[in-house]
Amino acid sequence: MKLFGNLKVIDNEIHLGKYSMSYLKEKYGTPLYIADEDFFRENIRKFKNSFKSKKFNTNILYASKALLNKYIANVVCEEDILIDAVSGGEIYTILNSRMSADKIYFHGNNKLKKELEFAVDSGVGKIVIDNTSEINKLEAILKEKKKKQKVLIRLNPGIDAHTHEYITTSKNDSKFGLSIFSDDIFDIIERVANSKYFELLGFHAHIGSQVFREESFFSEAEEMINFIKKVSDKGIRIEELNLGGGFGVYYTSEDSPFELEGFLKRYIKKIEELLEENNLKLKTLTIEPGRSLISNAGHTLYTAEIIKKTYGGKNFIFIDGSMNDNIRPALYGAKYEASIANKFNDNLEEVYTIAGKCCESGDIIIRDIMLPKVEEEDLILVSSTGAYNYSMSSNYNRIERPAMIFVSDEIKVAVKRETYEDLMRNDL
C-alpha cells in the first residue's frame, strides 16, 4: 500500500503523524474516516502556488461534492480558496461554516426552484446555468425578487476524457451543459447576456473525473477558447473561463496520474498561448479540483471481525464497515489498496477478499488482495478514501455512518458517529 502525506510506519504499525492506528481505534472506534489535515492543506497550497498567471487572475475552487462537512468548509475558508455546491444542502452546509456566500459557485443540471430561491436569497456568488429551462426558472425568480445574479453558462465542448462512463461529463450526449455545437447556442448566450436579471461573466466546462491524459485538458481549453473567440466576435464580452477539474489521482498501481505542479504550470502556459493566438483577454481563469485535493488525504480504518474460508477456497475478511461507507467499488468497480495496519511489514501470505457486513453479495471493498495472515481484531486500513466515500455514504440495512476525524498536531472530530437513535430521528 502506498503511503501518502503523513502516513508512516513505526514498529510495524501505520501511524498518521504521531498517532498509531491502534490508538485511533481505541479512542474513536471503527469504522473510522481519517483525514490528514496537513496533507489536505498542502495539496491546496500546491494548486495555489502552481496555478498562477501574470496575464489574468486565477481561482482555485474546491469541488465540495468530493467531501463536505462544516469542518472541511472551514479549512477551505482558512486556505482562502473558493468552493462550489451542487445542491441546497451543500449550500446550507457551507453557509454554516465561516465561508461567505459570495465565494460559492452553484452547479447542477437540475437545480430545483427552492434551491435557486435559496441561492439567490443567500447571496451565492455565482450560479452556473446548465440549460434553457433553468434560464427561465432563474430569470423568473430574479424578476420576482428584483435582483440581478452573476452567472456562468455550462458548456459541453464534446471532449472524450477517456475515463469511466459514469464520470464522463462532456460527450455530446452528456446530461450536463449546453453543447457548443447546438444550432441555437449563440441565441441562448445572447439571451442571457441581454437579460437585465443576469450578469453573464463567462463559461464553465468539465470533461469528467479521473482523467490521466494532459492532452484531454489541453483539448478542452483549446475548444473553449476557440468558442469564446466566436462569442466575442458577436460583441459579447467573456471575462471568466472555468475549466472544471477531473485531475486523476492514484488509487492503485493501475493508475498513472501526472505530476500536478508541473502540469498546472504547463496548463497555464498553454492557455496563455491560446488566448494570445486568438487575440483574447480573460479577467479570470478558474479550475475546480476536488478529488485531487482530498482523496489521498483520506483513509478508512476498519476492524477485521471474521475470517472465513469458503468451500470453494476463497478467503474473506469481513470488516465492521461496508458498502455503506464506500459504495464506489460496487457502483463502478473502483479499486483500492489496503494493508493490515498493525502488521504492515509482515510477509505477504494469503490472498483475501475484503467484504462488508451488508446483506448484499456485491458488498465488496477489495477483491483478491495479497496480505499477511489476517486474524480477528486486526486493523485494516484502506487508503485514498477521502473523496466520494463519506459524501456517498448511506444507512442501507439501517447501519450507522462512521465518525470522521481530522488529524494534525491534534485530532478534531469533524463528524460524530451515528447512533441507532440517529437512524430513527425522522421516523414518525
Protein backbone atom coordinates (compact mmCIF):
# COMPACT_ATOMS: atom_id res chain seq x y z
CA MET A 1 0.00 0.00 0.00
CA LYS A 2 1.34 3.38 -0.97
CA LEU A 3 1.71 5.75 1.98
CA PHE A 4 0.58 9.33 1.34
CA GLY A 5 1.11 12.53 3.26
CA ASN A 6 1.92 11.98 6.92
CA LEU A 7 1.32 8.22 6.98
CA LYS A 8 4.38 6.35 8.22
CA VAL A 9 5.29 3.03 9.77
CA ILE A 10 6.64 2.81 13.33
CA ASP A 11 7.28 -0.59 14.94
CA ASN A 12 5.38 -2.38 12.17
CA GLU A 13 2.25 -0.26 12.63
CA ILE A 14 0.89 2.53 10.47
CA HIS A 15 0.77 5.93 12.13
CA LEU A 16 -0.71 9.19 10.92
CA GLY A 17 1.72 11.71 12.29
CA LYS A 18 2.26 10.76 15.93
CA TYR A 19 -0.93 8.73 16.24
CA SER A 20 -1.00 4.96 15.73
CA MET A 21 -3.97 3.26 14.14
CA SER A 22 -4.41 1.25 17.36
CA TYR A 23 -4.73 4.48 19.31
CA LEU A 24 -7.24 5.90 16.84
CA LYS A 25 -9.36 2.76 17.10
CA GLU A 26 -9.24 2.77 20.89
CA LYS A 27 -10.13 6.47 21.08
CA TYR A 28 -12.67 6.80 18.25
CA GLY A 29 -13.75 3.29 17.26
CA THR A 30 -14.11 1.73 13.82
CA PRO A 31 -15.12 2.05 11.06
CA LEU A 32 -13.45 5.44 11.08
CA TYR A 33 -12.91 8.03 8.36
CA ILE A 34 -9.48 9.59 8.90
CA ALA A 35 -8.40 12.80 7.18
CA ASP A 36 -4.80 14.00 7.08
CA GLU A 37 -5.49 17.71 7.56
CA ASP A 38 -1.93 18.89 6.97
CA PHE A 39 -1.70 16.96 3.70
CA PHE A 40 -5.04 18.35 2.53
CA ARG A 41 -3.82 21.88 3.24
CA GLU A 42 -0.53 21.11 1.49
CA ASN A 43 -2.40 19.98 -1.62
CA ILE A 44 -4.42 23.21 -1.69
CA ARG A 45 -1.24 25.27 -1.44
CA LYS A 46 0.38 23.30 -4.27
CA PHE A 47 -2.53 24.22 -6.52
CA LYS A 48 -2.45 27.86 -5.44
CA ASN A 49 1.31 28.16 -5.97
CA SER A 50 1.37 26.39 -9.34
CA PHE A 51 -1.79 27.72 -10.98
CA LYS A 52 -0.72 31.34 -11.47
CA SER A 53 -0.50 33.77 -14.36
CA LYS A 54 0.70 37.32 -14.83
CA LYS A 55 -1.88 37.82 -17.59
CA PHE A 56 -5.11 37.00 -15.71
CA ASN A 57 -6.41 36.19 -12.24
CA THR A 58 -6.61 32.56 -11.21
CA ASN A 59 -9.10 30.89 -8.87
CA ILE A 60 -8.93 27.53 -7.14
CA LEU A 61 -12.43 26.29 -6.41
CA TYR A 62 -12.85 23.27 -4.10
CA ALA A 63 -15.38 20.83 -5.60
CA SER A 64 -17.15 20.11 -2.35
CA LYS A 65 -19.16 17.12 -3.56
CA ALA A 66 -15.95 15.10 -3.07
CA LEU A 67 -16.19 15.62 0.70
CA LEU A 68 -18.19 18.24 2.53
CA ASN A 69 -18.94 18.97 6.15
CA LYS A 70 -18.66 22.09 8.25
CA TYR A 71 -15.11 21.33 9.35
CA ILE A 72 -13.66 20.92 5.88
CA ALA A 73 -15.50 24.04 4.68
CA ASN A 74 -13.77 25.96 7.45
CA VAL A 75 -10.39 24.58 6.36
CA VAL A 76 -11.12 25.69 2.78
CA CYS A 77 -12.04 29.12 4.10
CA GLU A 78 -8.78 29.35 6.07
CA GLU A 79 -6.80 28.42 2.97
CA ASP A 80 -8.53 31.29 1.12
CA ILE A 81 -9.90 29.45 -1.90
CA LEU A 82 -13.42 29.32 -3.31
CA ILE A 83 -15.93 26.49 -3.10
CA ASP A 84 -18.72 25.02 -5.20
CA ALA A 85 -22.04 23.44 -4.31
CA VAL A 86 -24.42 21.27 -6.31
CA SER A 87 -27.46 21.27 -4.01
CA GLY A 88 -29.32 23.35 -1.48
CA GLY A 89 -27.98 21.08 1.24
CA GLU A 90 -24.38 21.75 0.23
CA ILE A 91 -25.07 25.49 0.15
CA TYR A 92 -26.66 25.27 3.62
CA THR A 93 -23.65 23.37 4.99
CA ILE A 94 -21.19 25.87 3.55
CA LEU A 95 -23.17 28.82 4.89
CA ASN A 96 -22.97 27.28 8.36
CA SER A 97 -19.17 27.38 8.14
CA ARG A 98 -17.04 30.51 8.01
CA MET A 99 -17.20 30.61 4.20
CA SER A 100 -19.06 33.64 2.87
CA ALA A 101 -21.85 33.18 0.33
CA ASP A 102 -20.09 35.24 -2.33
CA LYS A 103 -17.35 32.58 -2.55
CA ILE A 104 -19.82 29.88 -3.62
CA TYR A 105 -20.41 28.72 -7.20
CA PHE A 106 -23.71 26.86 -7.53
CA HIS A 107 -23.65 23.99 -10.05
CA GLY A 108 -26.10 21.30 -11.07
CA ASN A 109 -28.05 20.03 -14.07
CA ASN A 110 -31.41 20.11 -12.28
CA LYS A 111 -31.48 22.88 -9.69
CA LEU A 112 -34.86 22.88 -8.02
CA LYS A 113 -36.85 26.09 -7.72
CA LYS A 114 -36.45 26.05 -3.93
CA GLU A 115 -32.69 25.63 -4.33
CA LEU A 116 -32.41 28.52 -6.77
CA GLU A 117 -34.51 30.70 -4.46
CA PHE A 118 -32.31 29.72 -1.51
CA ALA A 119 -29.15 30.51 -3.50
CA VAL A 120 -30.46 33.92 -4.58
CA ASP A 121 -31.74 34.80 -1.09
CA SER A 122 -28.42 33.70 0.44
CA GLY A 123 -26.32 35.85 -1.88
CA VAL A 124 -24.47 32.97 -3.56
CA GLY A 125 -21.68 34.46 -5.65
CA LYS A 126 -22.22 32.78 -8.99
CA ILE A 127 -24.79 30.39 -10.41
CA VAL A 128 -23.65 28.15 -13.26
CA ILE A 129 -26.62 27.80 -15.63
CA ASP A 130 -26.98 24.33 -17.14
CA ASN A 131 -29.93 24.51 -19.56
CA THR A 132 -32.65 26.70 -21.08
CA SER A 133 -35.28 25.59 -18.59
CA GLU A 134 -33.04 26.82 -15.79
CA ILE A 135 -32.65 30.15 -17.56
CA ASN A 136 -36.43 30.59 -17.49
CA LYS A 137 -36.77 29.43 -13.90
CA LEU A 138 -33.94 31.57 -12.53
CA GLU A 139 -34.95 34.65 -14.51
CA ALA A 140 -38.50 34.44 -13.12
CA ILE A 141 -37.15 34.16 -9.56
CA LEU A 142 -34.86 37.16 -10.04
CA LYS A 143 -37.65 39.19 -11.60
CA GLU A 144 -39.92 38.47 -8.64
CA LYS A 145 -37.19 39.35 -6.15
CA LYS A 146 -35.97 42.37 -8.15
CA LYS A 147 -32.41 41.08 -8.11
CA LYS A 148 -29.57 40.59 -10.58
CA GLN A 149 -27.38 37.48 -10.43
CA LYS A 150 -23.83 36.80 -11.63
CA VAL A 151 -23.90 33.70 -13.83
CA LEU A 152 -21.78 31.42 -15.96
CA ILE A 153 -23.17 29.08 -18.61
CA ARG A 154 -22.08 25.46 -18.54
CA LEU A 155 -20.98 24.38 -21.99
CA ASN A 156 -20.20 20.94 -23.34
CA PRO A 157 -17.18 21.01 -25.69
CA GLY A 158 -17.57 17.34 -26.72
CA ILE A 159 -14.19 16.19 -25.41
CA ASP A 160 -13.67 12.46 -24.78
CA ALA A 161 -11.90 12.33 -21.43
CA HIS A 162 -11.09 8.58 -21.69
CA THR A 163 -12.45 7.72 -18.24
CA HIS A 164 -15.27 5.60 -16.80
CA GLU A 165 -18.61 6.31 -18.49
CA TYR A 166 -20.22 7.14 -15.12
CA ILE A 167 -17.79 10.01 -14.55
CA THR A 168 -17.51 11.28 -18.11
CA THR A 169 -19.38 14.58 -18.38
CA SER A 170 -18.52 16.16 -21.70
CA LYS A 171 -19.55 13.87 -24.53
CA ASN A 172 -22.25 15.06 -26.88
CA ASP A 173 -24.95 13.02 -25.11
CA SER A 174 -23.94 14.08 -21.59
CA LYS A 175 -26.69 15.21 -19.24
CA PHE A 176 -24.59 18.25 -18.30
CA GLY A 177 -24.49 21.61 -20.01
CA LEU A 178 -25.28 23.01 -23.45
CA SER A 179 -23.37 21.78 -26.48
CA ILE A 180 -21.20 24.34 -28.22
CA PHE A 181 -22.28 22.63 -31.45
CA SER A 182 -26.02 23.25 -30.97
CA ASP A 183 -27.65 25.32 -33.70
CA ASP A 184 -29.18 27.67 -31.14
CA ILE A 185 -26.22 28.03 -28.78
CA PHE A 186 -25.42 31.63 -29.76
CA ASP A 187 -29.08 32.64 -29.41
CA ILE A 188 -29.12 31.19 -25.89
CA ILE A 189 -25.93 33.01 -24.91
CA GLU A 190 -27.22 36.30 -26.34
CA ARG A 191 -30.45 35.90 -24.40
CA VAL A 192 -28.57 35.50 -21.11
CA ALA A 193 -26.15 38.33 -21.95
CA ASN A 194 -29.02 40.70 -22.77
CA SER A 195 -31.21 39.88 -19.77
CA LYS A 196 -31.42 42.64 -17.18
CA TYR A 197 -31.55 39.96 -14.48
CA PHE A 198 -28.27 38.25 -15.36
CA GLU A 199 -24.68 39.42 -15.32
CA LEU A 200 -23.05 36.94 -17.67
CA LEU A 201 -19.41 36.58 -16.64
CA GLY A 202 -18.37 33.62 -18.74
CA PHE A 203 -18.45 29.89 -19.32
CA HIS A 204 -17.88 26.69 -17.44
CA ALA A 205 -16.88 23.27 -18.75
CA HIS A 206 -15.90 19.99 -17.13
CA ILE A 207 -14.84 16.96 -19.13
CA GLY A 208 -15.04 14.27 -16.42
CA SER A 209 -13.25 12.78 -13.42
CA GLN A 210 -10.18 10.59 -13.01
CA VAL A 211 -8.64 11.91 -16.22
CA PHE A 212 -4.99 10.89 -16.68
CA ARG A 213 -4.21 12.46 -20.05
CA GLU A 214 -2.90 16.02 -20.04
CA GLU A 215 -3.94 16.29 -23.68
CA SER A 216 -7.62 16.00 -22.69
CA PHE A 217 -7.36 19.15 -20.60
CA PHE A 218 -5.40 20.98 -23.29
CA SER A 219 -8.03 20.00 -25.87
CA GLU A 220 -10.79 21.25 -23.59
CA ALA A 221 -9.01 24.60 -23.14
CA GLU A 222 -8.47 24.92 -26.90
CA GLU A 223 -12.10 24.17 -27.74
CA MET A 224 -13.39 26.58 -25.12
CA ILE A 225 -11.08 29.43 -26.07
CA ASN A 226 -11.88 28.99 -29.77
CA PHE A 227 -15.55 29.15 -28.82
CA ILE A 228 -15.02 32.26 -26.70
CA LYS A 229 -13.45 33.86 -29.77
CA LYS A 230 -16.65 33.21 -31.75
CA VAL A 231 -18.78 34.66 -28.95
CA SER A 232 -16.53 37.70 -28.61
CA ASP A 233 -16.77 38.33 -32.34
CA LYS A 234 -20.53 38.72 -31.79
CA GLY A 235 -19.87 41.52 -29.31
CA ILE A 236 -20.35 39.59 -26.09
CA ARG A 237 -17.61 40.13 -23.51
CA ILE A 238 -16.44 36.98 -21.69
CA GLU A 239 -14.46 37.66 -18.53
CA GLU A 240 -14.19 34.25 -16.88
CA LEU A 241 -13.44 30.74 -18.08
CA ASN A 242 -13.96 27.91 -15.62
CA LEU A 243 -12.41 24.68 -16.91
CA GLY A 244 -13.64 22.43 -14.09
CA GLY A 245 -11.48 19.70 -12.58
CA GLY A 246 -11.17 15.95 -13.02
CA PHE A 247 -7.41 15.61 -12.44
CA GLY A 248 -6.73 11.91 -11.91
CA VAL A 249 -5.33 10.53 -8.65
CA TYR A 250 -3.62 7.35 -7.51
CA TYR A 251 -5.75 4.58 -6.02
CA THR A 252 -3.74 1.53 -7.10
CA SER A 253 -0.71 0.72 -9.24
CA GLU A 254 -3.07 0.63 -12.25
CA ASP A 255 -3.39 4.43 -12.04
CA SER A 256 -0.84 6.78 -13.56
CA PRO A 257 -1.64 10.35 -12.53
CA PHE A 258 0.52 13.10 -13.95
CA GLU A 259 2.62 15.27 -11.65
CA LEU A 260 0.24 18.11 -10.81
CA GLU A 261 2.59 21.00 -10.10
CA GLY A 262 4.35 20.69 -13.41
CA PHE A 263 1.10 20.08 -15.27
CA LEU A 264 -0.57 23.17 -13.81
CA LYS A 265 2.30 25.37 -14.98
CA ARG A 266 2.11 23.85 -18.47
CA TYR A 267 -1.66 24.28 -18.39
CA ILE A 268 -1.34 27.99 -17.64
CA LYS A 269 1.27 28.43 -20.37
CA LYS A 270 -0.92 26.61 -22.91
CA ILE A 271 -3.93 28.79 -22.06
CA GLU A 272 -1.88 31.97 -22.26
CA GLU A 273 -0.69 30.93 -25.72
CA LEU A 274 -4.21 30.07 -26.88
CA LEU A 275 -5.53 33.42 -25.71
CA GLU A 276 -2.72 35.26 -27.48
CA GLU A 277 -3.30 33.31 -30.71
CA ASN A 278 -6.96 34.34 -30.62
CA ASN A 279 -6.23 37.92 -29.57
CA LEU A 280 -8.33 37.44 -26.43
CA LYS A 281 -8.01 38.54 -22.85
CA LEU A 282 -9.54 36.88 -19.82
CA LYS A 283 -10.03 38.50 -16.46
CA THR A 284 -10.25 35.22 -14.53
CA LEU A 285 -9.37 31.56 -15.11
CA THR A 286 -10.87 29.06 -12.66
CA ILE A 287 -10.37 25.36 -12.01
CA GLU A 288 -12.27 23.05 -9.64
CA PRO A 289 -10.15 20.33 -8.00
CA GLY A 290 -11.96 18.11 -5.52
CA ARG A 291 -10.76 14.51 -5.61
CA SER A 292 -7.20 15.66 -6.34
CA LEU A 293 -7.19 17.69 -3.11
CA ILE A 294 -8.78 15.28 -0.64
CA SER A 295 -8.67 11.70 -2.00
CA ASN A 296 -5.13 10.74 -0.97
CA ALA A 297 -5.52 12.70 2.27
CA GLY A 298 -8.34 10.44 3.47
CA HIS A 299 -8.31 6.83 4.67
CA THR A 300 -10.75 4.43 6.32
CA LEU A 301 -9.86 2.25 9.29
CA TYR A 302 -11.75 -1.00 9.88
CA THR A 303 -11.57 -3.92 12.28
CA ALA A 304 -11.36 -7.45 10.90
CA GLU A 305 -14.32 -9.12 12.59
CA ILE A 306 -14.44 -12.55 10.95
CA ILE A 307 -12.02 -14.51 8.75
CA LYS A 308 -13.88 -17.04 6.60
CA LYS A 309 -12.70 -19.58 4.07
CA THR A 310 -15.43 -20.82 1.74
CA TYR A 311 -15.88 -24.35 0.44
CA GLY A 312 -14.67 -23.02 -2.90
CA GLY A 313 -11.42 -21.86 -1.32
CA LYS A 314 -11.97 -18.10 -1.20
CA ASN A 315 -10.62 -16.26 1.86
CA PHE A 316 -12.88 -13.49 3.14
CA ILE A 317 -12.11 -10.77 5.65
CA PHE A 318 -15.42 -9.50 7.00
CA ILE A 319 -14.86 -5.96 8.27
CA ASP A 320 -17.10 -3.87 10.52
CA GLY A 321 -17.71 -1.44 7.66
CA SER A 322 -19.48 -1.97 4.36
CA MET A 323 -20.59 -0.55 1.05
CA ASN A 324 -22.47 1.95 3.22
CA ASP A 325 -19.22 3.83 3.88
CA ASN A 326 -17.62 3.10 0.49
CA ILE A 327 -20.08 2.47 -2.35
CA ARG A 328 -17.57 3.13 -5.15
CA PRO A 329 -16.39 -0.48 -5.72
CA ALA A 330 -19.99 -1.67 -6.00
CA LEU A 331 -21.11 1.35 -8.02
CA TYR A 332 -18.46 1.40 -10.72
CA GLY A 333 -15.78 -1.11 -9.91
CA ALA A 334 -13.43 1.28 -8.15
CA LYS A 335 -10.24 -0.28 -6.79
CA TYR A 336 -8.28 0.49 -3.63
CA GLU A 337 -5.14 -0.51 -1.80
CA ALA A 338 -5.14 -1.68 1.81
CA SER A 339 -2.88 -3.10 4.48
CA ILE A 340 -3.06 -4.69 7.88
CA ALA A 341 -2.27 -1.54 9.82
CA ASN A 342 -0.81 -3.40 12.81
CA LYS A 343 1.25 -5.84 10.66
CA PHE A 344 2.43 -3.56 7.88
CA ASN A 345 5.85 -5.19 7.30
CA ASP A 346 4.83 -8.81 7.84
CA ASN A 347 5.35 -11.21 4.94
CA LEU A 348 2.52 -11.41 2.41
CA GLU A 349 0.99 -14.87 2.76
CA GLU A 350 -2.63 -15.09 1.63
CA VAL A 351 -4.99 -13.71 -0.99
CA TYR A 352 -8.11 -12.25 0.61
CA THR A 353 -11.29 -10.50 -0.42
CA ILE A 354 -12.30 -7.71 1.94
CA ALA A 355 -16.09 -7.69 2.31
CA GLY A 356 -18.55 -5.68 4.31
CA LYS A 357 -21.46 -6.54 6.58
CA CYS A 358 -24.34 -5.56 4.29
CA CYS A 359 -26.80 -8.19 3.12
CA GLU A 360 -25.53 -7.85 -0.47
CA SER A 361 -23.25 -10.15 -2.45
CA GLY A 362 -21.81 -7.03 -4.07
CA ASP A 363 -20.69 -5.57 -0.74
CA ILE A 364 -17.01 -5.97 -1.58
CA ILE A 365 -14.41 -3.31 -0.78
CA ILE A 366 -11.34 -5.03 -2.32
CA ARG A 367 -11.11 -8.27 -4.28
CA ASP A 368 -8.13 -10.62 -4.27
CA ILE A 369 -5.56 -8.65 -2.31
CA MET A 370 -2.36 -10.25 -1.05
CA LEU A 371 -1.88 -9.61 2.69
CA PRO A 372 -0.06 -11.06 5.68
CA LYS A 373 -2.03 -13.68 7.61
CA VAL A 374 -5.07 -11.87 9.00
CA GLU A 375 -6.56 -12.56 12.40
CA GLU A 376 -9.74 -11.33 14.02
CA GLU A 377 -9.30 -7.88 15.60
CA ASP A 378 -6.53 -6.93 13.18
CA LEU A 379 -6.86 -3.39 11.81
CA ILE A 380 -7.44 -2.93 8.08
CA LEU A 381 -6.56 0.46 6.62
CA VAL A 382 -7.96 1.24 3.17
CA SER A 383 -6.12 4.18 1.65
CA SER A 384 -7.20 7.12 -0.50
CA THR A 385 -10.85 7.12 0.55
CA GLY A 386 -11.07 10.87 1.08
CA ALA A 387 -13.23 11.55 -1.97
CA TYR A 388 -16.72 10.20 -2.59
CA ASN A 389 -16.81 7.82 0.37
CA TYR A 390 -18.39 9.84 3.19
CA SER A 391 -20.22 12.02 0.67
CA MET A 392 -21.87 8.95 -0.93
CA SER A 393 -22.45 7.03 2.30
CA SER A 394 -25.84 5.66 3.28
CA ASN A 395 -27.80 3.91 6.02
CA TYR A 396 -28.62 0.82 3.98
CA ASN A 397 -29.56 -2.09 6.25
CA ARG A 398 -30.01 0.57 8.96
CA ILE A 399 -26.27 0.72 9.56
CA GLU A 400 -24.89 3.81 11.27
CA ARG A 401 -22.44 6.02 9.39
CA PRO A 402 -18.87 6.17 10.80
CA ALA A 403 -17.29 9.08 12.59
CA MET A 404 -14.77 11.30 10.80
CA ILE A 405 -11.66 12.82 12.36
CA PHE A 406 -9.14 15.33 11.04
CA VAL A 407 -5.61 14.64 12.23
CA SER A 408 -2.88 17.26 12.62
CA ASP A 409 -0.89 18.00 15.79
CA GLU A 410 -4.22 17.50 17.49
CA ILE A 411 -7.24 15.42 16.48
CA LYS A 412 -10.56 17.07 15.76
CA VAL A 413 -13.83 15.16 15.40
CA ALA A 414 -15.50 16.59 12.30
CA VAL A 415 -18.48 14.21 12.19
CA LYS A 416 -19.87 12.25 15.13
CA ARG A 417 -20.51 8.53 14.81
CA GLU A 418 -24.18 7.89 14.19
CA THR A 419 -26.27 6.03 16.74
CA TYR A 420 -29.38 3.87 16.50
CA GLU A 421 -31.30 6.93 17.70
CA ASP A 422 -29.98 8.88 14.71
CA LEU A 423 -31.39 6.22 12.39
CA MET A 424 -34.87 6.80 13.84
CA ARG A 425 -34.70 10.57 14.08
CA ASN A 426 -37.01 11.33 11.17
CA ASP A 427 -39.34 8.37 11.60
CA LEU A 428 -42.89 9.26 12.69
